Protein backbone atom coordinates (compact mmCIF):
# COMPACT_ATOMS: atom_id res chain seq x y z
CA UNK A 1 20.11 11.28 -19.18
CA UNK A 2 23.43 13.05 -18.36
CA UNK A 3 22.03 16.64 -18.14
CA UNK A 4 19.38 15.09 -15.83
CA UNK A 5 22.15 13.46 -13.47
CA UNK A 6 24.27 17.14 -13.43
CA UNK A 7 21.02 18.99 -12.68
CA UNK A 8 20.46 16.61 -9.64
CA UNK A 9 23.84 16.83 -8.71
CA UNK A 10 23.51 20.52 -8.75
CA UNK A 11 21.01 20.59 -6.05
CA UNK A 12 23.86 19.60 -3.49
CA UNK A 13 26.79 20.82 -5.37
CA UNK A 14 27.77 24.18 -6.46
CA UNK A 15 29.09 24.59 -10.05
CA UNK A 16 32.85 25.20 -8.84
CA UNK A 17 32.31 21.34 -6.79
CA UNK A 18 30.94 20.03 -9.76
CA UNK A 19 33.87 21.19 -11.90
CA UNK A 20 36.13 19.76 -9.24
CA UNK A 21 34.81 16.58 -8.83
CA UNK A 22 33.31 15.61 -12.23
CA UNK A 23 35.53 17.34 -14.61
CA UNK A 24 39.15 17.71 -12.75
CA UNK A 25 38.37 14.26 -10.72
CA UNK A 26 39.78 16.25 -7.60
CA UNK A 27 37.92 14.13 -4.85
CA UNK A 28 40.10 15.60 -2.14
CA UNK A 29 38.89 19.13 -2.21
CA UNK A 30 38.46 20.36 1.38
CA UNK A 31 35.90 23.33 0.50
CA UNK A 32 34.01 21.34 -1.79
CA UNK A 33 33.81 18.66 0.50
CA UNK A 34 32.36 20.79 3.77
CA UNK A 35 30.18 22.77 1.26
CA UNK A 36 28.60 19.34 -0.17
CA UNK A 37 28.58 17.77 3.35
CA UNK A 38 26.81 20.95 4.52
CA UNK A 39 24.27 21.00 1.78
CA UNK A 40 23.51 17.14 1.95
CA UNK A 41 22.87 17.75 5.63
CA UNK A 42 20.52 20.68 5.29
CA UNK A 43 18.37 18.66 2.67
CA UNK A 44 18.39 15.73 4.94
CA UNK A 45 16.91 17.80 7.91
CA UNK A 46 14.66 19.18 5.60
CA UNK A 47 13.47 15.68 4.24
CA UNK A 48 13.21 14.40 8.27
CA UNK A 49 11.55 17.67 9.08
CA UNK A 50 8.44 16.96 7.21
CA UNK A 51 7.75 13.78 9.57
CA UNK A 52 9.46 15.15 12.72
CA UNK A 53 6.63 15.95 14.75
CA UNK A 54 4.28 13.77 13.47
CA UNK A 55 5.08 11.04 15.92
CA UNK A 56 3.97 13.90 18.29
CA UNK A 57 0.56 14.50 16.64
CA UNK A 58 -0.33 10.72 16.63
CA UNK A 59 0.39 10.43 20.35
CA UNK A 60 -1.88 13.32 20.91
CA UNK A 61 -4.75 12.28 18.76
CA UNK A 62 -4.44 8.33 19.80
CA UNK A 63 -4.74 9.59 23.56
CA UNK A 64 -7.04 12.09 23.02
CA UNK A 65 -5.17 14.65 25.42
CA UNK A 66 -2.37 17.04 25.43
CA UNK A 67 -1.32 16.10 28.65
CA UNK A 68 2.08 17.23 30.20
CA UNK A 69 2.64 19.67 27.23
CA UNK A 70 2.68 23.31 28.13
CA UNK A 71 0.80 25.09 25.25
CA UNK A 72 2.53 28.28 26.42
CA UNK A 73 5.84 26.56 25.74
CA UNK A 74 4.75 25.43 22.13
CA UNK A 75 3.92 29.22 21.70
CA UNK A 76 7.08 30.53 22.49
CA UNK A 77 8.84 27.57 20.47
CA UNK A 78 6.29 28.46 17.40
CA UNK A 79 7.52 32.17 17.57
CA UNK A 80 11.09 30.78 17.30
CA UNK A 81 10.87 28.64 14.39
CA UNK A 82 8.56 31.15 12.44
CA UNK A 83 11.04 34.02 13.34
CA UNK A 84 14.18 31.75 11.98
CA UNK A 85 12.63 31.08 8.61
CA UNK A 86 10.91 34.21 8.10
CA UNK A 87 14.45 36.36 8.71
CA UNK A 88 16.15 33.45 6.66
CA UNK A 89 13.90 33.84 3.82
CA UNK A 90 13.78 37.36 3.49
CA UNK A 91 17.86 37.28 3.80
CA UNK A 92 17.74 35.09 0.77
CA UNK A 93 19.68 32.41 2.55
CA UNK A 94 19.69 29.13 0.65
CA UNK A 95 16.58 26.82 1.21
CA UNK A 96 19.10 24.24 2.18
CA UNK A 97 19.87 26.33 5.52
CA UNK A 98 16.12 26.98 6.99
CA UNK A 99 13.90 24.96 5.00
CA UNK A 100 13.00 22.92 7.54
CA UNK A 101 11.31 25.53 9.70
CA UNK A 102 8.51 25.73 7.29
CA UNK A 103 7.44 22.39 7.97
CA UNK A 104 8.39 22.28 11.49
CA UNK A 105 6.15 25.37 12.06
CA UNK A 106 3.19 23.87 10.49
CA UNK A 107 3.58 20.87 12.58
CA UNK A 108 3.89 22.81 15.91
CA UNK A 109 1.22 25.16 14.95
CA UNK A 110 -0.79 21.93 14.91
CA UNK A 111 0.25 20.69 18.22
CA UNK A 112 -1.09 23.88 19.68
CA UNK A 113 -4.00 23.48 18.24
CA UNK A 114 -4.65 20.20 19.26
CA UNK A 115 -3.79 21.14 22.94
CA UNK A 116 -6.19 23.67 22.88
CA UNK A 117 -8.77 21.65 21.40
CA UNK A 118 -8.20 18.50 23.73
CA UNK A 119 -8.25 21.24 26.80
CA UNK A 120 -11.38 22.12 25.81
CA UNK A 121 -11.03 25.36 24.02
CA UNK A 122 -11.96 23.85 20.12
CA UNK A 123 -13.03 27.92 19.35
CA UNK A 124 -9.73 29.16 20.78
CA UNK A 125 -7.78 26.54 18.55
CA UNK A 126 -9.25 27.55 15.03
CA UNK A 127 -8.84 31.21 16.05
CA UNK A 128 -5.28 30.90 16.96
CA UNK A 129 -4.40 29.10 13.35
CA UNK A 130 -6.25 31.48 11.30
CA UNK A 131 -4.53 34.81 13.59
CA UNK A 132 -0.88 32.45 12.89
CA UNK A 133 -1.60 32.01 9.26
CA UNK A 134 -2.09 35.75 8.95
CA UNK A 135 0.99 36.80 10.96
CA UNK A 136 3.17 34.48 9.05
CA UNK A 137 1.78 36.10 5.44
CA UNK A 138 2.62 39.47 6.58
CA UNK A 139 6.38 38.22 7.79
CA UNK A 140 7.34 36.86 4.54
CA UNK A 141 5.86 38.97 2.11
CA UNK A 142 8.71 41.89 2.60
CA UNK A 143 6.44 44.29 4.16
CA UNK A 144 7.94 43.63 7.50
CA UNK A 145 11.40 45.62 7.48
CA UNK A 146 14.11 43.45 8.02
CA UNK A 147 15.44 45.20 11.36
CA UNK A 148 11.88 43.97 12.71
CA UNK A 149 12.92 40.30 11.45
CA UNK A 150 16.50 40.55 12.85
CA UNK A 151 15.23 41.63 16.10
CA UNK A 152 12.49 38.72 16.34
CA UNK A 153 15.49 36.41 15.22
CA UNK A 154 17.66 37.87 17.99
CA UNK A 155 15.11 37.69 20.42
CA UNK A 156 14.78 33.92 19.73
CA UNK A 157 17.98 33.19 22.10
CA UNK A 158 16.26 34.16 25.29
CA UNK A 159 12.67 32.84 24.21
CA UNK A 160 14.18 29.35 23.08
CA UNK A 161 15.63 29.21 26.69
CA UNK A 162 12.19 30.36 28.06
CA UNK A 163 10.01 27.87 26.23
CA UNK A 164 12.56 24.89 26.72
CA UNK A 165 12.31 25.51 30.37
CA UNK A 166 8.70 25.71 31.00
CA UNK A 167 8.44 22.45 29.38
CA UNK A 168 11.33 21.12 31.86
CA UNK A 169 9.52 22.51 34.61
CA UNK A 170 6.42 21.26 33.71
CA UNK A 171 7.98 17.34 33.14
CA UNK A 172 9.87 17.90 36.66
CA UNK A 173 6.53 18.74 38.19
CA UNK A 174 4.52 16.18 36.60
CA UNK A 175 7.46 13.47 37.50
CA UNK A 176 7.20 12.71 33.74
CA UNK A 177 7.29 13.59 30.13
CA UNK A 178 3.83 13.17 29.39
CA UNK A 179 2.43 12.96 25.77
CA UNK A 180 5.97 14.27 24.44
CA UNK A 181 7.23 11.72 21.74
CA UNK A 182 10.39 10.22 22.30
CA UNK A 183 10.91 10.16 18.29
CA UNK A 184 10.21 13.88 18.07
CA UNK A 185 12.38 14.97 20.78
CA UNK A 186 15.64 12.73 19.83
CA UNK A 187 15.15 14.23 15.94
CA UNK A 188 14.69 17.95 17.09
CA UNK A 189 17.79 17.29 18.87
CA UNK A 190 20.24 15.99 16.52
CA UNK A 191 18.66 18.27 13.66
CA UNK A 192 19.37 21.47 16.09
CA UNK A 193 23.45 19.87 16.17
CA UNK A 194 23.38 19.56 12.68
CA UNK A 195 21.75 23.03 11.96
CA UNK A 196 25.08 24.19 13.68
CA UNK A 197 27.30 23.26 11.34
CA UNK A 198 25.24 24.08 8.45
CA UNK A 199 24.55 27.51 9.31
CA UNK A 200 28.15 28.05 9.69
CA UNK A 201 29.08 26.58 6.25
CA UNK A 202 26.25 28.21 4.76
CA UNK A 203 24.89 31.59 6.38
CA UNK A 204 28.01 32.61 8.55
CA UNK A 205 25.25 34.37 10.35
CA UNK A 206 26.07 34.94 14.34
CA UNK A 207 22.54 35.31 15.61
CA UNK A 208 21.44 32.29 13.92
CA UNK A 209 24.60 30.15 14.55
CA UNK A 210 24.15 31.07 18.11
CA UNK A 211 20.44 30.34 18.02
CA UNK A 212 21.19 26.82 17.34
CA UNK A 213 23.60 26.62 19.94
CA UNK A 214 21.12 27.72 22.54
CA UNK A 215 18.26 25.20 21.10
CA UNK A 216 20.84 22.22 21.34
CA UNK A 217 21.61 23.01 24.82
CA UNK A 218 17.81 23.24 25.52
CA UNK A 219 16.56 20.09 23.60
CA UNK A 220 19.41 18.39 25.11
CA UNK A 221 17.83 19.06 28.68
CA UNK A 222 14.35 17.71 27.61
CA UNK A 223 16.39 14.66 25.82
CA UNK A 224 17.84 13.99 29.36
CA UNK A 225 14.60 14.28 31.48
CA UNK A 226 13.03 11.76 28.59
CA UNK A 227 15.72 9.09 29.49
CA UNK A 228 15.12 10.12 33.03
CA UNK A 229 11.52 9.74 33.29
CA UNK A 230 11.27 7.09 30.77
CA UNK A 231 9.40 4.71 32.97
CA UNK A 232 7.65 6.82 35.09
CA UNK A 233 4.51 6.24 33.44
CA UNK A 234 4.44 2.74 33.32
CA UNK A 235 5.38 2.88 37.35
CA UNK A 236 2.08 5.00 37.65
CA UNK A 237 0.28 2.82 35.71
CA UNK A 238 1.23 -0.02 37.81
CA UNK A 239 0.42 1.50 40.94
CA UNK A 240 -3.09 2.67 39.71
CA UNK A 241 -3.53 -1.02 38.94
CA UNK A 242 -2.42 -2.44 42.12
CA UNK A 243 -4.78 0.58 44.14
CA UNK A 244 -7.74 -1.17 41.91
């Protein structure tokens, strides 16, 4: 039982921190506290990412519509997520520092396919998924040079800005956030904030830290629109009923 307990703790603690906490009883060690907090946040983010975009997917399925979701913005977001986890995987960073990228990529790809499907392009949705799976396989197979992956990660910064800007503009033109899920948006915003801290502690990679900083600001802009247009759809529905 003791060995199992230690094994579970070592999924969050380093060997050194385990010694400090449970052998030396030094619970005030600052480096260990920072490291443990980062690991815990990372694992929490990964756990949350498994379902973070499910509310968005369910909302699209329920309404059988991708209205208000700009598919080009989704494509760019998917590129950014894929570049991030492929680069981190090949660089050998801890899974706790990037693991959510895997689940976010799967869910984002599904969202893109659903938007295409409900937009009347089921064939395009199928081809898109097939091509995406093939590209990811090449990126993580270590056949792709690290320099190329680094360049993809570096390009993430402007891509995130462009992707989120496309969605912001779409929301502005529609006067609402359409089928965007409030739960998903808020979780993504909170996750990107937490990732700034975990990236500082676990990777120290400047380009990844910068990417999450930009992502936080961009996600924050859409969250702000979410609250700004909160009752827009209800008002539109009410006006339609009055006209009838």
